């Protein structure tokens, strides 16, 4: 939990109060409705994704990739894992929030088919706006059998 909490602090909650501490993450991941996936590249922690799977919808709570492993397919694999899990559970859609100023994250999710649903004023600790994105229907990337996953 320490590696996940630390990456969340550095990549997701930078400049905000730290809410996804290791102890909170541990409790959240233990919930039956939580799906967590950790990526390793060459035995090294590369990133993680955590989603909450409801009765009809999924919510991507956190996704982060160590800077060293960005733009190498790790983030897409983390996202696709959550999309496949939600599809398998028969869920209708998946949503997430992203900082309004995080254009690279918005572009990443748009490339996966997510669309902006609404803006949320002062969503992050009353400090920063968020954009809610949704993918409906849920569709994961079709694996390319010739492509070796970076986390294999």
N, C-alpha and C. Protein backbone atom coordinates (compact mmCIF):
# COMPACT_ATOMS: atom_id res chain seq x y z
N UNK A 1 0.81 -1.20 0.00
CA UNK A 1 0.00 0.00 0.00
C UNK A 1 0.85 1.27 0.00
N UNK A 2 2.06 1.16 0.53
CA UNK A 2 2.92 2.33 0.62
C UNK A 2 3.27 2.84 -0.77
N UNK A 3 3.62 1.95 -1.70
CA UNK A 3 3.99 2.36 -3.06
C UNK A 3 2.80 3.00 -3.76
N UNK A 4 1.62 2.42 -3.61
CA UNK A 4 0.42 2.97 -4.24
C UNK A 4 0.09 4.33 -3.63
N UNK A 5 0.09 4.41 -2.31
CA UNK A 5 -0.19 5.68 -1.64
C UNK A 5 0.80 6.76 -2.01
N UNK A 6 2.06 6.42 -2.08
CA UNK A 6 3.10 7.39 -2.44
C UNK A 6 2.93 7.88 -3.87
N UNK A 7 2.65 6.97 -4.80
CA UNK A 7 2.44 7.39 -6.19
C UNK A 7 1.19 8.24 -6.32
N UNK A 8 0.14 7.87 -5.62
CA UNK A 8 -1.08 8.68 -5.62
C UNK A 8 -0.78 10.08 -5.12
N UNK A 9 -0.02 10.17 -4.06
CA UNK A 9 0.33 11.48 -3.48
C UNK A 9 1.11 12.33 -4.48
N UNK A 10 2.08 11.72 -5.15
CA UNK A 10 2.96 12.46 -6.08
C UNK A 10 2.29 12.78 -7.41
N UNK A 11 1.46 11.86 -7.92
CA UNK A 11 0.93 12.03 -9.26
C UNK A 11 -0.52 12.53 -9.31
N UNK A 12 -1.33 12.15 -8.34
CA UNK A 12 -2.76 12.47 -8.39
C UNK A 12 -3.11 13.61 -7.44
N UNK A 13 -2.62 13.54 -6.22
CA UNK A 13 -3.01 14.51 -5.20
C UNK A 13 -1.97 15.61 -4.99
N UNK A 14 -1.09 15.77 -5.91
CA UNK A 14 -0.06 16.81 -5.79
C UNK A 14 -0.71 18.18 -5.59
N UNK A 15 -0.26 18.89 -4.55
CA UNK A 15 -0.80 20.21 -4.26
C UNK A 15 -2.11 20.21 -3.51
N UNK A 16 -2.62 19.03 -3.17
CA UNK A 16 -3.87 18.89 -2.42
C UNK A 16 -3.59 18.16 -1.12
N UNK A 17 -4.50 18.23 -0.17
CA UNK A 17 -4.34 17.40 1.03
C UNK A 17 -4.30 15.93 0.64
N UNK A 18 -3.49 15.15 1.33
CA UNK A 18 -3.34 13.73 1.03
C UNK A 18 -4.51 12.96 1.61
N UNK A 19 -5.37 12.45 0.76
CA UNK A 19 -6.53 11.70 1.23
C UNK A 19 -6.39 10.19 1.00
N UNK A 20 -5.66 9.79 -0.04
CA UNK A 20 -5.49 8.36 -0.34
C UNK A 20 -4.22 7.85 0.32
N UNK A 21 -4.25 7.85 1.64
CA UNK A 21 -3.12 7.37 2.43
C UNK A 21 -3.07 5.84 2.37
N UNK A 22 -1.94 5.23 2.71
CA UNK A 22 -1.87 3.77 2.70
C UNK A 22 -2.96 3.10 3.56
N UNK A 23 -3.28 3.66 4.71
CA UNK A 23 -4.31 3.04 5.55
C UNK A 23 -5.69 3.14 4.91
N UNK A 24 -6.01 4.26 4.29
CA UNK A 24 -7.30 4.39 3.60
C UNK A 24 -7.35 3.46 2.39
N UNK A 25 -6.26 3.39 1.64
CA UNK A 25 -6.21 2.50 0.49
C UNK A 25 -6.43 1.05 0.90
N UNK A 26 -5.80 0.64 1.98
CA UNK A 26 -5.93 -0.73 2.47
C UNK A 26 -7.39 -1.07 2.77
N UNK A 27 -8.09 -0.15 3.45
CA UNK A 27 -9.51 -0.36 3.77
C UNK A 27 -10.34 -0.40 2.50
N UNK A 28 -10.08 0.51 1.56
CA UNK A 28 -10.86 0.61 0.33
C UNK A 28 -10.67 -0.63 -0.54
N UNK A 29 -9.44 -1.09 -0.66
CA UNK A 29 -9.15 -2.25 -1.50
C UNK A 29 -9.75 -3.53 -0.94
N UNK A 30 -9.96 -3.58 0.35
CA UNK A 30 -10.57 -4.76 0.98
C UNK A 30 -12.06 -4.89 0.69
N UNK A 31 -12.70 -3.82 0.23
CA UNK A 31 -14.13 -3.87 -0.08
C UNK A 31 -14.38 -4.83 -1.24
N UNK A 32 -15.45 -5.60 -1.16
CA UNK A 32 -15.76 -6.57 -2.22
C UNK A 32 -16.02 -5.87 -3.56
N UNK A 33 -16.45 -4.63 -3.54
CA UNK A 33 -16.78 -3.90 -4.77
C UNK A 33 -15.57 -3.23 -5.41
N UNK A 34 -14.40 -3.35 -4.79
CA UNK A 34 -13.20 -2.69 -5.30
C UNK A 34 -12.36 -3.66 -6.12
N UNK A 35 -11.90 -3.18 -7.27
CA UNK A 35 -11.01 -3.94 -8.13
C UNK A 35 -9.70 -3.15 -8.25
N UNK A 36 -8.60 -3.75 -7.82
CA UNK A 36 -7.30 -3.09 -7.87
C UNK A 36 -6.34 -3.90 -8.73
N UNK A 37 -5.53 -3.20 -9.48
CA UNK A 37 -4.56 -3.83 -10.38
C UNK A 37 -3.24 -3.08 -10.24
N UNK A 38 -2.17 -3.82 -10.03
CA UNK A 38 -0.84 -3.24 -9.90
C UNK A 38 0.01 -3.73 -11.06
N UNK A 39 0.70 -2.81 -11.71
CA UNK A 39 1.57 -3.16 -12.84
C UNK A 39 3.03 -3.12 -12.41
N UNK A 40 3.77 -4.14 -12.84
CA UNK A 40 5.21 -4.20 -12.62
C UNK A 40 5.88 -4.37 -13.98
N UNK A 41 6.98 -3.70 -14.18
CA UNK A 41 7.79 -3.87 -15.38
C UNK A 41 9.17 -4.32 -14.91
N UNK A 42 9.60 -5.46 -15.41
CA UNK A 42 10.90 -6.03 -15.01
C UNK A 42 11.03 -6.10 -13.49
N UNK A 43 9.94 -6.46 -12.81
CA UNK A 43 9.96 -6.60 -11.37
C UNK A 43 9.86 -5.29 -10.60
N UNK A 44 9.73 -4.19 -11.30
CA UNK A 44 9.68 -2.87 -10.67
C UNK A 44 8.25 -2.32 -10.70
N UNK A 45 7.80 -1.78 -9.57
CA UNK A 45 6.47 -1.16 -9.49
C UNK A 45 6.36 -0.07 -10.54
N UNK A 46 5.35 -0.17 -11.41
CA UNK A 46 5.21 0.80 -12.51
C UNK A 46 3.94 1.63 -12.40
N UNK A 47 2.92 1.14 -11.71
CA UNK A 47 1.67 1.90 -11.60
C UNK A 47 0.55 1.05 -11.04
N UNK A 48 -0.62 1.65 -10.97
CA UNK A 48 -1.78 0.95 -10.42
C UNK A 48 -3.07 1.58 -10.92
N UNK A 49 -4.14 0.83 -10.83
CA UNK A 49 -5.49 1.37 -11.07
C UNK A 49 -6.43 0.75 -10.04
N UNK A 50 -7.39 1.54 -9.61
CA UNK A 50 -8.38 1.08 -8.64
C UNK A 50 -9.75 1.56 -9.10
N UNK A 51 -10.69 0.63 -9.17
CA UNK A 51 -12.05 0.97 -9.57
C UNK A 51 -13.05 0.39 -8.58
N UNK A 52 -14.19 1.03 -8.53
CA UNK A 52 -15.30 0.56 -7.72
C UNK A 52 -16.36 0.04 -8.69
N UNK A 53 -16.77 -1.21 -8.51
CA UNK A 53 -17.75 -1.83 -9.39
C UNK A 53 -19.09 -1.89 -8.67
N UNK A 54 -20.06 -1.16 -9.20
CA UNK A 54 -21.38 -1.13 -8.59
C UNK A 54 -22.32 -2.12 -9.24
N UNK A 55 -23.62 -1.95 -8.99
CA UNK A 55 -24.61 -2.86 -9.56
C UNK A 55 -24.81 -2.63 -11.06
N UNK A 56 -24.70 -1.39 -11.52
CA UNK A 56 -24.92 -1.09 -12.93
C UNK A 56 -23.75 -0.32 -13.55
N UNK A 57 -22.96 0.35 -12.72
CA UNK A 57 -21.90 1.22 -13.22
C UNK A 57 -20.60 0.98 -12.48
N UNK A 58 -19.51 1.33 -13.17
CA UNK A 58 -18.19 1.28 -12.55
C UNK A 58 -17.66 2.70 -12.44
N UNK A 59 -16.75 2.90 -11.49
CA UNK A 59 -16.12 4.20 -11.32
C UNK A 59 -14.62 3.98 -11.15
N UNK A 60 -13.84 4.57 -12.04
CA UNK A 60 -12.39 4.50 -11.93
C UNK A 60 -11.99 5.53 -10.89
N UNK A 61 -11.53 5.05 -9.76
CA UNK A 61 -11.22 5.91 -8.63
C UNK A 61 -9.83 6.52 -8.76
N UNK A 62 -8.85 5.69 -9.07
CA UNK A 62 -7.45 6.14 -9.18
C UNK A 62 -6.74 5.36 -10.27
N UNK A 63 -5.87 6.05 -10.99
CA UNK A 63 -4.97 5.41 -11.94
C UNK A 63 -3.73 6.28 -12.02
N UNK A 64 -2.57 5.68 -11.83
CA UNK A 64 -1.32 6.43 -11.91
C UNK A 64 -0.20 5.53 -12.41
N UNK A 65 0.72 6.13 -13.14
CA UNK A 65 1.89 5.43 -13.68
C UNK A 65 3.13 6.22 -13.29
N UNK A 66 4.14 5.52 -12.81
CA UNK A 66 5.41 6.17 -12.52
C UNK A 66 5.91 6.86 -13.79
N UNK A 67 6.49 8.05 -13.65
CA UNK A 67 6.94 8.82 -14.81
C UNK A 67 7.86 8.01 -15.71
N UNK A 68 8.72 7.20 -15.12
CA UNK A 68 9.67 6.39 -15.87
C UNK A 68 8.98 5.45 -16.87
N UNK A 69 7.75 5.04 -16.56
CA UNK A 69 7.05 4.05 -17.37
C UNK A 69 5.92 4.64 -18.21
N UNK A 70 5.78 5.94 -18.24
CA UNK A 70 4.73 6.56 -19.06
C UNK A 70 5.06 6.43 -20.55
N UNK A 71 4.02 6.46 -21.35
CA UNK A 71 4.12 6.39 -22.82
C UNK A 71 4.72 5.06 -23.28
N UNK A 72 4.52 4.01 -22.49
CA UNK A 72 5.01 2.68 -22.85
C UNK A 72 3.90 1.64 -22.77
N UNK A 73 2.65 2.08 -22.68
CA UNK A 73 1.52 1.17 -22.67
C UNK A 73 1.06 0.72 -21.30
N UNK A 74 1.76 1.14 -20.24
CA UNK A 74 1.39 0.72 -18.89
C UNK A 74 0.03 1.31 -18.50
N UNK A 75 -0.16 2.59 -18.73
CA UNK A 75 -1.44 3.23 -18.38
C UNK A 75 -2.60 2.61 -19.14
N UNK A 76 -2.39 2.32 -20.41
CA UNK A 76 -3.46 1.70 -21.21
C UNK A 76 -3.78 0.31 -20.68
N UNK A 77 -2.76 -0.43 -20.28
CA UNK A 77 -3.01 -1.76 -19.73
C UNK A 77 -3.78 -1.67 -18.41
N UNK A 78 -3.41 -0.72 -17.57
CA UNK A 78 -4.11 -0.52 -16.30
C UNK A 78 -5.58 -0.17 -16.53
N UNK A 79 -5.82 0.71 -17.50
CA UNK A 79 -7.19 1.10 -17.83
C UNK A 79 -7.95 -0.08 -18.43
N UNK A 80 -7.35 -0.76 -19.39
CA UNK A 80 -8.03 -1.87 -20.03
C UNK A 80 -8.38 -2.99 -19.05
N UNK A 81 -7.52 -3.20 -18.06
CA UNK A 81 -7.83 -4.20 -17.04
C UNK A 81 -9.14 -3.85 -16.35
N UNK A 82 -9.29 -2.60 -15.98
CA UNK A 82 -10.52 -2.16 -15.30
C UNK A 82 -11.72 -2.24 -16.24
N UNK A 83 -11.53 -1.88 -17.50
CA UNK A 83 -12.63 -1.96 -18.47
C UNK A 83 -13.07 -3.41 -18.68
N UNK A 84 -12.12 -4.32 -18.78
CA UNK A 84 -12.48 -5.74 -18.94
C UNK A 84 -13.20 -6.27 -17.70
N UNK A 85 -12.75 -5.87 -16.53
CA UNK A 85 -13.42 -6.31 -15.29
C UNK A 85 -14.85 -5.80 -15.26
N UNK A 86 -15.06 -4.54 -15.63
CA UNK A 86 -16.41 -3.97 -15.63
C UNK A 86 -17.28 -4.65 -16.68
N UNK A 87 -16.72 -4.93 -17.86
CA UNK A 87 -17.47 -5.65 -18.90
C UNK A 87 -17.88 -7.03 -18.40
N UNK A 88 -16.94 -7.73 -17.79
CA UNK A 88 -17.20 -9.08 -17.29
C UNK A 88 -18.31 -9.05 -16.24
N UNK A 89 -18.35 -7.98 -15.45
CA UNK A 89 -19.39 -7.84 -14.42
C UNK A 89 -20.73 -7.41 -15.03
N UNK A 90 -20.76 -7.14 -16.33
CA UNK A 90 -21.99 -6.76 -17.01
C UNK A 90 -22.43 -5.33 -16.75
N UNK A 91 -21.48 -4.46 -16.43
CA UNK A 91 -21.82 -3.08 -16.10
C UNK A 91 -22.02 -2.24 -17.36
N UNK A 92 -22.89 -1.22 -17.24
CA UNK A 92 -23.29 -0.41 -18.39
C UNK A 92 -22.27 0.64 -18.78
N UNK A 93 -21.63 1.27 -17.80
CA UNK A 93 -20.67 2.32 -18.12
C UNK A 93 -19.67 2.49 -17.00
N UNK A 94 -18.66 3.28 -17.29
CA UNK A 94 -17.63 3.59 -16.30
C UNK A 94 -17.36 5.09 -16.36
N UNK A 95 -17.20 5.69 -15.20
CA UNK A 95 -16.94 7.12 -15.14
C UNK A 95 -15.70 7.37 -14.30
N UNK A 96 -15.21 8.59 -14.36
CA UNK A 96 -14.06 9.02 -13.58
C UNK A 96 -14.05 10.53 -13.53
N UNK A 97 -13.25 11.06 -12.61
CA UNK A 97 -13.01 12.49 -12.55
C UNK A 97 -11.53 12.73 -12.79
N UNK A 98 -11.25 13.83 -13.45
CA UNK A 98 -9.87 14.23 -13.73
C UNK A 98 -9.77 15.73 -13.48
N UNK A 99 -8.62 16.18 -13.03
CA UNK A 99 -8.42 17.61 -12.81
C UNK A 99 -8.66 18.37 -14.11
N UNK A 100 -9.35 19.48 -14.01
CA UNK A 100 -9.66 20.29 -15.19
C UNK A 100 -8.39 20.75 -15.90
N UNK A 101 -7.32 20.95 -15.16
CA UNK A 101 -6.07 21.40 -15.76
C UNK A 101 -5.17 20.29 -16.25
N UNK A 102 -5.56 19.04 -16.07
CA UNK A 102 -4.72 17.92 -16.48
C UNK A 102 -5.09 17.49 -17.90
N UNK A 103 -4.59 18.25 -18.86
CA UNK A 103 -4.95 18.00 -20.25
C UNK A 103 -4.37 16.69 -20.79
N UNK A 104 -3.22 16.27 -20.29
CA UNK A 104 -2.65 15.01 -20.77
C UNK A 104 -3.53 13.83 -20.33
N UNK A 105 -4.03 13.86 -19.10
CA UNK A 105 -4.93 12.79 -18.64
C UNK A 105 -6.24 12.82 -19.43
N UNK A 106 -6.76 14.00 -19.68
CA UNK A 106 -7.99 14.11 -20.46
C UNK A 106 -7.80 13.54 -21.86
N UNK A 107 -6.65 13.82 -22.46
CA UNK A 107 -6.34 13.29 -23.78
C UNK A 107 -6.21 11.76 -23.75
N UNK A 108 -5.55 11.25 -22.72
CA UNK A 108 -5.39 9.80 -22.55
C UNK A 108 -6.76 9.12 -22.51
N UNK A 109 -7.66 9.63 -21.69
CA UNK A 109 -8.98 9.01 -21.56
C UNK A 109 -9.82 9.21 -22.83
N UNK A 110 -9.70 10.36 -23.48
CA UNK A 110 -10.41 10.58 -24.74
C UNK A 110 -9.96 9.57 -25.79
N UNK A 111 -8.66 9.24 -25.81
CA UNK A 111 -8.16 8.26 -26.78
C UNK A 111 -8.73 6.87 -26.54
N UNK A 112 -9.24 6.64 -25.34
CA UNK A 112 -9.88 5.36 -25.01
C UNK A 112 -11.39 5.42 -25.21
N UNK A 113 -11.90 6.56 -25.67
CA UNK A 113 -13.32 6.68 -25.95
C UNK A 113 -14.15 7.39 -24.90
N UNK A 114 -13.53 7.85 -23.82
CA UNK A 114 -14.27 8.57 -22.78
C UNK A 114 -14.71 9.93 -23.31
N UNK A 115 -15.89 10.35 -22.88
CA UNK A 115 -16.43 11.65 -23.27
C UNK A 115 -16.74 12.46 -22.03
N UNK A 116 -16.58 13.77 -22.15
CA UNK A 116 -16.86 14.67 -21.04
C UNK A 116 -18.36 14.71 -20.78
N UNK A 117 -18.72 14.54 -19.51
CA UNK A 117 -20.12 14.56 -19.11
C UNK A 117 -20.47 15.90 -18.48
N UNK A 118 -19.59 16.39 -17.61
CA UNK A 118 -19.86 17.67 -16.95
C UNK A 118 -18.62 18.18 -16.24
N UNK A 119 -18.67 19.45 -15.88
CA UNK A 119 -17.62 20.06 -15.07
C UNK A 119 -18.10 20.10 -13.63
N UNK A 120 -17.19 19.92 -12.71
CA UNK A 120 -17.51 19.94 -11.29
C UNK A 120 -16.66 21.02 -10.63
N UNK A 121 -17.28 22.10 -10.24
CA UNK A 121 -16.57 23.22 -9.64
C UNK A 121 -16.01 22.86 -8.27
N UNK A 122 -14.74 23.21 -8.07
CA UNK A 122 -14.06 23.05 -6.78
C UNK A 122 -14.19 21.62 -6.22
N UNK A 123 -14.19 20.65 -7.09
CA UNK A 123 -14.36 19.24 -6.72
C UNK A 123 -13.24 18.73 -5.82
N UNK A 124 -12.03 19.12 -6.14
CA UNK A 124 -10.88 18.63 -5.39
C UNK A 124 -10.60 19.51 -4.19
N UNK A 125 -11.08 19.06 -3.04
CA UNK A 125 -10.84 19.72 -1.74
C UNK A 125 -11.23 21.19 -1.76
N UNK A 126 -12.21 21.54 -2.58
CA UNK A 126 -12.66 22.93 -2.67
C UNK A 126 -11.66 23.84 -3.34
N UNK A 127 -10.64 23.23 -3.97
CA UNK A 127 -9.54 24.01 -4.54
C UNK A 127 -9.55 24.02 -6.06
N UNK A 128 -9.80 22.87 -6.65
CA UNK A 128 -9.64 22.73 -8.10
C UNK A 128 -10.86 22.08 -8.73
N UNK A 129 -11.18 22.52 -9.93
CA UNK A 129 -12.30 21.96 -10.68
C UNK A 129 -11.93 20.60 -11.26
N UNK A 130 -12.95 19.81 -11.53
CA UNK A 130 -12.78 18.49 -12.15
C UNK A 130 -13.65 18.41 -13.38
N UNK A 131 -13.30 17.48 -14.22
CA UNK A 131 -14.11 17.11 -15.38
C UNK A 131 -14.53 15.66 -15.17
N UNK A 132 -15.83 15.40 -15.27
CA UNK A 132 -16.29 14.01 -15.19
C UNK A 132 -16.34 13.45 -16.61
N UNK A 133 -15.75 12.28 -16.76
CA UNK A 133 -15.72 11.60 -18.04
C UNK A 133 -16.46 10.27 -17.92
N UNK A 134 -17.02 9.82 -19.03
CA UNK A 134 -17.77 8.55 -19.00
C UNK A 134 -17.52 7.79 -20.30
N UNK A 135 -17.47 6.48 -20.18
CA UNK A 135 -17.39 5.59 -21.32
C UNK A 135 -18.62 4.69 -21.28
N UNK A 136 -19.45 4.81 -22.31
CA UNK A 136 -20.68 4.03 -22.35
C UNK A 136 -21.01 3.75 -23.82
N UNK A 137 -21.13 2.51 -24.21
CA UNK A 137 -20.93 1.32 -23.40
C UNK A 137 -19.44 1.08 -23.15
N UNK A 138 -19.17 0.29 -22.14
CA UNK A 138 -17.79 -0.05 -21.81
C UNK A 138 -17.22 -0.95 -22.90
N UNK A 139 -16.03 -0.59 -23.35
CA UNK A 139 -15.33 -1.43 -24.33
C UNK A 139 -13.84 -1.34 -24.04
N UNK A 140 -13.23 -2.48 -23.88
CA UNK A 140 -11.79 -2.54 -23.66
C UNK A 140 -11.10 -2.73 -25.01
N UNK A 141 -9.84 -2.36 -25.05
CA UNK A 141 -9.07 -2.57 -26.27
C UNK A 141 -8.95 -4.07 -26.53
N UNK A 142 -8.98 -4.43 -27.80
CA UNK A 142 -8.80 -5.83 -28.16
C UNK A 142 -7.30 -6.12 -28.13
N UNK A 143 -6.88 -7.11 -27.34
CA UNK A 143 -5.45 -7.40 -27.25
C UNK A 143 -4.87 -7.80 -28.60
N UNK A 144 -3.69 -7.31 -28.90
CA UNK A 144 -2.97 -7.67 -30.11
C UNK A 144 -2.04 -8.82 -29.75
N UNK A 145 -2.24 -10.01 -30.33
CA UNK A 145 -1.42 -11.17 -29.94
C UNK A 145 0.06 -10.97 -30.26
N UNK A 146 0.39 -10.05 -31.15
CA UNK A 146 1.79 -9.80 -31.50
C UNK A 146 2.45 -8.84 -30.51
N UNK A 147 1.64 -8.14 -29.71
CA UNK A 147 2.16 -7.13 -28.78
C UNK A 147 2.49 -7.78 -27.45
N UNK A 148 3.72 -7.60 -27.01
CA UNK A 148 4.12 -8.09 -25.68
C UNK A 148 3.84 -6.99 -24.68
N UNK A 149 3.04 -7.28 -23.70
CA UNK A 149 2.67 -6.31 -22.68
C UNK A 149 3.92 -5.83 -21.94
N UNK A 150 3.99 -4.52 -21.63
CA UNK A 150 5.14 -4.02 -20.89
C UNK A 150 5.19 -4.59 -19.48
N UNK A 151 4.09 -5.11 -18.99
CA UNK A 151 4.07 -5.62 -17.62
C UNK A 151 4.18 -7.15 -17.59
N UNK A 152 4.49 -7.75 -18.72
CA UNK A 152 4.65 -9.21 -18.76
C UNK A 152 5.99 -9.61 -18.19
